[in-house]
Protein backbone atom coordinates (compact mmCIF):
# COMPACT_ATOMS: atom_id res chain seq x y z
CA MET A 1 0.34 0.26 -0.36
CA ASN A 2 1.19 3.62 -1.00
CA ASP A 3 -0.23 5.97 1.37
CA ASP A 4 -3.79 4.05 1.84
CA LEU A 5 -5.96 3.03 4.02
CA ILE A 6 -7.21 -0.47 4.74
CA GLY A 7 -10.31 -2.13 6.56
CA VAL A 8 -13.16 -4.22 6.64
CA SER A 9 -16.54 -3.98 8.43
CA PRO A 10 -18.15 -6.13 9.57
CA GLY A 11 -14.82 -8.44 9.87
CA THR A 12 -12.61 -7.86 12.48
CA ALA A 13 -9.31 -8.11 11.45
CA VAL A 14 -6.82 -7.76 8.40
CA THR A 15 -4.13 -10.16 8.10
CA GLY A 16 -0.93 -10.25 6.38
CA PHE A 17 0.50 -7.69 8.14
CA TYR A 18 2.54 -7.62 10.28
CA PRO A 19 2.64 -6.60 13.56
CA PRO A 20 -1.13 -7.08 13.43
CA GLY A 21 -2.88 -4.37 12.55
CA THR A 22 0.14 -2.22 11.13
CA ASP A 23 1.49 -1.95 7.92
CA THR A 24 5.04 -2.33 6.87
CA ASP A 25 6.05 1.43 6.81
CA GLY A 26 3.51 2.56 9.48
CA THR A 27 2.33 5.54 7.53
CA ASN A 28 -1.27 3.72 6.74
CA ALA A 29 -4.32 3.18 8.85
CA ILE A 30 -5.72 -0.07 8.96
CA TYR A 31 -9.13 -0.42 10.68
CA ALA A 32 -10.79 -3.56 12.14
CA SER A 33 -12.47 -3.87 15.18
CA GLY A 34 -10.52 -6.23 16.43
CA TYR A 35 -7.57 -3.96 16.89
CA ASN A 36 -8.78 -0.51 15.85
CA THR A 37 -11.60 1.22 18.44
CA ASN A 38 -12.08 3.61 15.42
CA ALA A 39 -14.69 1.36 14.28
CA ALA A 40 -17.02 3.99 12.38
CA VAL A 41 -14.46 4.49 9.39
CA PRO A 42 -14.69 1.03 8.12
CA LEU A 43 -18.79 1.11 8.98
CA ASN A 44 -18.76 4.32 6.80
CA ALA A 45 -17.19 3.16 4.03
CA GLU A 46 -19.49 0.18 3.84
CA ASN A 47 -22.28 1.96 3.75
CA ALA A 48 -20.86 4.50 1.29
CA LEU A 49 -19.65 0.95 -0.55
CA THR A 50 -23.61 -0.06 -1.27
CA THR A 51 -24.85 3.85 -2.39
CA ALA A 52 -22.09 3.92 -4.76
CA TYR A 53 -22.51 -0.18 -6.23
CA ASN A 54 -26.09 1.11 -6.48
CA THR A 55 -25.52 4.62 -8.28
CA ALA A 56 -23.09 3.10 -10.60
CA ALA A 57 -25.28 0.28 -11.22
CA GLY A 58 -28.68 2.77 -11.88
CA MET A 59 -26.96 4.48 -14.18
CA VAL A 60 -28.91 4.26 -17.58
CA ALA A 61 -26.00 2.65 -20.08
CA THR A 62 -24.97 4.90 -23.49
CA ALA A 63 -23.13 1.61 -24.65
CA THR A 64 -23.13 -2.05 -24.72
CA VAL A 65 -19.69 -3.92 -24.28
CA ALA A 66 -19.59 -7.99 -23.87
CA GLY A 67 -16.59 -9.96 -23.61
CA ASP A 68 -13.03 -9.02 -24.34
CA LEU A 69 -12.72 -4.89 -23.85
CA SER A 70 -9.65 -4.64 -25.45
CA GLN A 71 -11.53 -5.89 -28.26
CA ALA A 72 -14.50 -3.41 -27.73
CA SER A 73 -14.75 -0.97 -30.57
CA SER A 74 -16.56 2.52 -30.21
CA PRO A 75 -16.96 4.84 -33.41
CA GLY A 76 -13.87 7.24 -34.54
CA TYR A 77 -11.45 5.36 -32.42
CA PRO A 78 -9.01 2.13 -32.38
CA THR A 79 -10.53 -1.23 -31.23
CA GLY A 80 -9.42 -0.90 -27.85
CA THR A 81 -10.22 2.75 -26.73
CA LEU A 82 -13.27 3.63 -25.34
CA PRO A 83 -14.54 7.56 -24.62
CA PRO A 84 -16.37 8.85 -21.58
CA GLY A 85 -19.63 6.27 -21.20
CA VAL A 86 -21.66 4.13 -19.40
CA TYR A 87 -20.81 0.87 -20.59
CA LYS A 88 -23.26 -2.41 -20.00
CA SER A 89 -22.62 -5.59 -19.98
CA SER A 90 -25.68 -8.07 -19.18
CA SER A 91 -22.67 -11.23 -18.17
CA SER A 92 -18.97 -10.86 -17.82
CA LEU A 93 -16.17 -8.65 -18.85
CA SER A 94 -12.34 -9.35 -19.38
CA ILE A 95 -9.21 -7.37 -20.39
CA ALA A 96 -6.88 -10.02 -22.30
CA ALA A 97 -6.12 -9.99 -26.09
CA GLY A 98 -4.41 -7.07 -25.64
CA ASN A 99 -5.07 -3.23 -23.79
CA LEU A 100 -7.77 -1.49 -23.16
CA THR A 101 -6.67 2.68 -23.68
CA LEU A 102 -9.60 5.06 -22.16
CA ASN A 103 -9.60 8.15 -23.97
CA GLY A 104 -10.55 10.83 -21.61
CA ALA A 105 -11.14 13.16 -25.04
CA GLY A 106 -9.47 16.60 -23.34
CA ASN A 107 -11.95 16.38 -20.28
CA ALA A 108 -10.07 16.31 -17.21
CA ASN A 109 -13.62 15.44 -15.41
CA SER A 110 -14.91 13.11 -18.30
CA VAL A 111 -16.31 9.96 -16.74
CA PHE A 112 -16.25 6.21 -17.12
CA ILE A 113 -18.34 3.52 -15.85
CA PHE A 114 -18.56 0.04 -16.43
CA GLN A 115 -21.60 -2.43 -15.54
CA MET A 116 -21.43 -6.02 -15.63
CA ALA A 117 -23.55 -8.41 -14.02
CA SER A 118 -21.05 -11.37 -12.98
CA THR A 119 -17.74 -11.25 -12.90
CA LEU A 120 -14.50 -8.93 -14.32
CA THR A 121 -11.28 -10.52 -14.90
CA THR A 122 -8.12 -9.22 -16.87
CA THR A 123 -5.21 -10.97 -17.32
CA LEU A 124 -1.16 -10.71 -17.31
CA ASN A 125 0.83 -10.67 -20.15
CA GLY A 126 3.28 -7.60 -19.68
CA ALA A 127 2.96 -4.86 -21.38
CA THR A 128 1.80 -6.16 -23.99
CA SER A 129 -2.48 -7.64 -22.53
CA GLY A 130 -4.19 -7.27 -19.77
CA ASN A 131 -3.52 -3.22 -18.59
CA VAL A 132 -5.91 -0.55 -18.69
CA LEU A 133 -4.15 2.35 -19.79
CA LEU A 134 -5.07 5.99 -19.96
CA THR A 135 -4.67 9.11 -22.28
CA ASN A 136 -6.06 12.05 -23.35
CA GLY A 137 -7.07 13.60 -19.56
CA ALA A 138 -8.68 10.32 -18.29
CA SER A 139 -8.17 9.95 -14.56
CA PRO A 140 -8.83 6.70 -12.34
CA CYS A 141 -10.62 8.85 -10.08
CA ASN A 142 -13.34 8.91 -12.32
CA ILE A 143 -13.21 5.63 -13.55
CA TYR A 144 -15.82 3.21 -11.88
CA TRP A 145 -16.11 -0.65 -12.25
CA GLN A 146 -19.57 -2.00 -10.99
CA VAL A 147 -18.90 -5.76 -10.77
CA GLY A 148 -22.39 -8.25 -10.18
CA SER A 149 -20.03 -10.84 -8.70
CA SER A 150 -16.04 -10.94 -8.16
CA ALA A 151 -13.34 -8.58 -9.74
CA THR A 152 -9.77 -10.43 -10.77
CA LEU A 153 -7.35 -8.15 -11.66
CA GLY A 154 -3.83 -9.55 -12.74
CA GLY A 155 -3.03 -7.27 -15.32
CA GLN A 156 0.73 -5.21 -14.98
CA SER A 157 -1.54 -1.81 -14.61
CA PHE A 158 -5.09 -0.74 -13.75
CA TYR A 159 -7.05 2.06 -13.17
CA GLY A 160 -10.46 3.12 -11.51
CA ASN A 161 -12.73 2.43 -8.69
CA VAL A 162 -13.62 -1.27 -8.09
CA PHE A 163 -17.18 -1.98 -6.23
CA ALA A 164 -17.81 -6.07 -6.83
CA TYR A 165 -20.64 -7.63 -5.02
CA SER A 166 -18.49 -10.49 -4.03
CA SER A 167 -14.78 -10.28 -3.74
CA ILE A 168 -11.60 -8.30 -5.16
CA THR A 169 -8.82 -10.31 -5.88
CA ILE A 170 -5.70 -7.89 -6.99
CA ASN A 171 -2.48 -9.41 -8.35
CA ALA A 172 -1.92 -6.41 -10.71
CA SER A 173 1.68 -5.20 -10.44
CA THR A 174 0.37 -1.15 -9.86
CA PHE A 175 -3.61 -0.85 -8.90
CA THR A 176 -4.76 2.53 -9.08
CA GLY A 177 -8.20 2.98 -7.82
CA ARG A 178 -10.37 1.85 -4.68
CA ALA A 179 -10.95 -1.70 -4.61
CA LEU A 180 -14.30 -2.09 -2.11
CA ALA A 181 -16.37 -5.53 -2.01
CA GLY A 182 -17.19 -8.09 0.17
CA GLY A 183 -13.72 -9.98 0.57
CA PRO A 184 -11.12 -7.66 -1.33
CA SER A 185 -7.49 -9.81 -1.11
CA LEU A 186 -3.83 -8.03 -2.11
CA GLY A 187 -1.26 -9.60 -4.14
CA ASP A 188 2.46 -8.26 -4.12
CA GLY A 189 1.29 -5.26 -6.37
CA ALA A 190 1.61 -1.66 -5.28
CA VAL A 191 -1.81 -0.16 -4.72
CA SER A 192 -2.29 3.67 -4.58
CA ILE A 193 -5.41 5.74 -3.76
CA PRO A 194 -5.75 8.94 -6.78
CA LEU A 195 -4.67 12.10 -5.38
CA ALA A 196 -8.22 13.60 -6.13
CA GLY A 197 -11.33 12.67 -5.46
CA GLY A 198 -14.34 11.41 -8.05
CA SER A 199 -17.93 11.38 -8.23
CA ILE A 200 -20.35 9.82 -10.23
CA ILE A 201 -22.09 12.11 -12.51
CA THR A 202 -24.63 12.08 -14.50
CA ASN A 203 -23.31 13.20 -17.64
CA PRO A 204 -20.94 10.58 -17.98
CA GLY A 205 -19.56 11.55 -21.87
CA GLY A 206 -17.79 14.82 -20.14
CA ASN A 207 -20.44 17.38 -22.48
């Protein structure tokens, strides 16, 4: 973790850190009722996750997507590049055969929302595939992944805020965003929270 917060509610412990309840360099906060009396922090986060998940799920889609997002297309953009919008899938989504590039269209406030009924999976294959890339003003603060079940992130880089109904497993080399779910699991990669705060807004196209 890089200057981040981690917490669980209603769980009582966060494992994998030594001593329990601390991080590797002492700069980050870990909240769990088993050793931190400030239980309001993770509880508030749990309630906020429910609101964020339902809000993202309720946004009106501007386009439908399916399967591997690295092969998705949008008029005026190359394959694997998407402009701001709300993208809906009735099943699972992945990033596997190539990379997904999110193009902010020159607007730093542009918003990307991905809604999927089931899983999200990114596959590690170095820099050539399985990654989320940002260009032309796209910000990780304004990227949202609403996952109907579980997310497994294994690419070299991933950006955005993941709201998963069940669980999130992070094996990405670099994860920049927020992971909020019933059971997040962190691998060996670096996890960072973007500096700027983002919000779900009603004009995801940034117009």
